Amino acid sequence: MSGNTNKFVSHFEQLGLKDKARFITSYIFKRELKAVKIDKVVMDYYMRLTHFHSQFKAAGVNYNQVTEAIKTTFTQKKAFAFLYKN
């Protein structure tokens, strides 16, 4: 195989297309094809970070709900005493 053929085949494999005809016609008509590579490590990191953020947000929401329930149930003095004690 020549250098151009190797480059052509490697570019086709990078794109991950199933149809060589579509790939060839895009080259003939000078259409731009974009390769999207999904990195599993980055995807796993993103998922863990998203999960951590949702847990952190849920803890804040729970704290706000408890604080509001205490304020509506008790007088201001008792509510502050309860919040600072616990």
C-alpha atoms as a PDB file:
ATOM      1  CA  MET A   1       0.000   0.000   0.000  1.00  0.00           C
ATOM      2  CA  SER A   2       1.179   3.480  -0.764  1.00  0.00           C
ATOM      3  CA  GLY A   3       1.400   6.292   1.787  1.00  0.00           C
ATOM      4  CA  ASN A   4      -1.820   7.934   0.575  1.00  0.00           C
ATOM      5  CA  THR A   5      -3.711   4.648   0.751  1.00  0.00           C
ATOM      6  CA  ASN A   6      -2.518   4.032   4.303  1.00  0.00           C
ATOM      7  CA  LYS A   7      -3.558   7.555   5.280  1.00  0.00           C
ATOM      8  CA  PHE A   8      -6.939   7.069   3.605  1.00  0.00           C
ATOM      9  CA  VAL A   9      -7.603   3.743   5.343  1.00  0.00           C
ATOM     10  CA  SER A  10      -6.428   4.989   8.737  1.00  0.00           C
ATOM     11  CA  HIS A  11      -8.681   8.057   8.458  1.00  0.00           C
ATOM     12  CA  PHE A  12     -11.628   5.813   7.544  1.00  0.00           C
ATOM     13  CA  GLU A  13     -10.941   3.629  10.595  1.00  0.00           C
ATOM     14  CA  GLN A  14     -10.664   6.665  12.893  1.00  0.00           C
ATOM     15  CA  LEU A  15     -14.097   7.871  11.837  1.00  0.00           C
ATOM     16  CA  GLY A  16     -15.600   4.480  12.606  1.00  0.00           C
ATOM     17  CA  LEU A  17     -17.938   4.564   9.621  1.00  0.00           C
ATOM     18  CA  LYS A  18     -19.476   1.340   8.364  1.00  0.00           C
ATOM     19  CA  ASP A  19     -19.961   2.434   4.763  1.00  0.00           C
ATOM     20  CA  LYS A  20     -16.831   3.044   2.667  1.00  0.00           C
ATOM     21  CA  ALA A  21     -18.890   4.460  -0.204  1.00  0.00           C
ATOM     22  CA  ARG A  22     -20.159   7.317   1.944  1.00  0.00           C
ATOM     23  CA  PHE A  23     -16.631   8.003   3.134  1.00  0.00           C
ATOM     24  CA  ILE A  24     -15.279   8.073  -0.436  1.00  0.00           C
ATOM     25  CA  THR A  25     -18.050  10.365  -1.730  1.00  0.00           C
ATOM     26  CA  SER A  26     -17.398  12.778   1.106  1.00  0.00           C
ATOM     27  CA  TYR A  27     -13.773  12.967  -0.016  1.00  0.00           C
ATOM     28  CA  ILE A  28     -14.744  13.433  -3.663  1.00  0.00           C
ATOM     29  CA  PHE A  29     -17.123  16.293  -2.885  1.00  0.00           C
ATOM     30  CA  LYS A  30     -14.770  17.778  -0.251  1.00  0.00           C
ATOM     31  CA  ARG A  31     -17.239  17.442   2.590  1.00  0.00           C
ATOM     32  CA  GLU A  32     -15.782  17.603   6.039  1.00  0.00           C
ATOM     33  CA  LEU A  33     -16.199  14.545   8.239  1.00  0.00           C
ATOM     34  CA  LYS A  34     -15.586  14.848  11.939  1.00  0.00           C
ATOM     35  CA  ALA A  35     -14.303  12.029  14.104  1.00  0.00           C
ATOM     36  CA  VAL A  36     -15.677  11.787  17.610  1.00  0.00           C
ATOM     37  CA  LYS A  37     -13.702   9.643  20.018  1.00  0.00           C
ATOM     38  CA  ILE A  38     -15.306   8.713  23.316  1.00  0.00           C
ATOM     39  CA  ASP A  39     -12.805   8.258  26.119  1.00  0.00           C
ATOM     40  CA  LYS A  40     -14.215   5.821  28.679  1.00  0.00           C
ATOM     41  CA  VAL A  41     -11.986   7.108  31.489  1.00  0.00           C
ATOM     42  CA  VAL A  42     -13.189  10.677  31.000  1.00  0.00           C
ATOM     43  CA  MET A  43     -16.777   9.479  30.712  1.00  0.00           C
ATOM     44  CA  ASP A  44     -16.447   7.538  34.002  1.00  0.00           C
ATOM     45  CA  TYR A  45     -14.929  10.601  35.712  1.00  0.00           C
ATOM     46  CA  TYR A  46     -17.768  12.775  34.411  1.00  0.00           C
ATOM     47  CA  MET A  47     -20.402  10.327  35.672  1.00  0.00           C
ATOM     48  CA  ARG A  48     -18.815  10.124  39.138  1.00  0.00           C
ATOM     49  CA  LEU A  49     -18.502  13.903  39.365  1.00  0.00           C
ATOM     50  CA  THR A  50     -22.134  14.338  38.320  1.00  0.00           C
ATOM     51  CA  HIS A  51     -23.252  11.776  40.911  1.00  0.00           C
ATOM     52  CA  PHE A  52     -21.204  13.516  43.626  1.00  0.00           C
ATOM     53  CA  HIS A  53     -22.698  16.883  42.686  1.00  0.00           C
ATOM     54  CA  SER A  54     -26.236  15.499  42.885  1.00  0.00           C
ATOM     55  CA  GLN A  55     -25.523  13.997  46.331  1.00  0.00           C
ATOM     56  CA  PHE A  56     -24.063  17.296  47.533  1.00  0.00           C
ATOM     57  CA  LYS A  57     -27.087  19.177  46.224  1.00  0.00           C
ATOM     58  CA  ALA A  58     -29.477  16.694  47.872  1.00  0.00           C
ATOM     59  CA  ALA A  59     -27.743  17.200  51.237  1.00  0.00           C
ATOM     60  CA  GLY A  60     -28.207  20.958  50.884  1.00  0.00           C
ATOM     61  CA  VAL A  61     -31.879  20.566  50.004  1.00  0.00           C
ATOM     62  CA  ASN A  62     -32.426  18.258  52.985  1.00  0.00           C
ATOM     63  CA  TYR A  63     -30.709  20.742  55.298  1.00  0.00           C
ATOM     64  CA  ASN A  64     -32.900  23.564  54.007  1.00  0.00           C
ATOM     65  CA  GLN A  65     -36.056  21.485  54.478  1.00  0.00           C
ATOM     66  CA  VAL A  66     -35.128  20.543  58.046  1.00  0.00           C
ATOM     67  CA  THR A  67     -34.222  24.128  58.893  1.00  0.00           C
ATOM     68  CA  GLU A  68     -37.512  25.417  57.497  1.00  0.00           C
ATOM     69  CA  ALA A  69     -39.500  22.755  59.378  1.00  0.00           C
ATOM     70  CA  ILE A  70     -37.794  23.680  62.640  1.00  0.00           C
ATOM     71  CA  LYS A  71     -38.418  27.390  62.103  1.00  0.00           C
ATOM     72  CA  THR A  72     -42.120  26.861  61.388  1.00  0.00           C
ATOM     73  CA  THR A  73     -42.626  24.414  64.275  1.00  0.00           C
ATOM     74  CA  PHE A  74     -40.750  26.166  67.072  1.00  0.00           C
ATOM     75  CA  THR A  75     -40.351  29.748  68.180  1.00  0.00           C
ATOM     76  CA  GLN A  76     -37.328  31.597  66.914  1.00  0.00           C
ATOM     77  CA  LYS A  77     -35.473  31.265  70.196  1.00  0.00           C
ATOM     78  CA  LYS A  78     -36.106  27.492  70.460  1.00  0.00           C
ATOM     79  CA  ALA A  79     -35.287  26.979  66.771  1.00  0.00           C
ATOM     80  CA  PHE A  80     -31.911  28.728  67.090  1.00  0.00           C
ATOM     81  CA  ALA A  81     -31.143  26.790  70.266  1.00  0.00           C
ATOM     82  CA  PHE A  82     -32.016  23.508  68.541  1.00  0.00           C
ATOM     83  CA  LEU A  83     -29.998  24.306  65.404  1.00  0.00           C
ATOM     84  CA  TYR A  84     -26.898  25.390  67.307  1.00  0.00           C
ATOM     85  CA  LYS A  85     -27.096  22.465  69.729  1.00  0.00           C
ATOM     86  CA  ASN A  86     -27.255  19.862  66.948  1.00  0.00           C
END
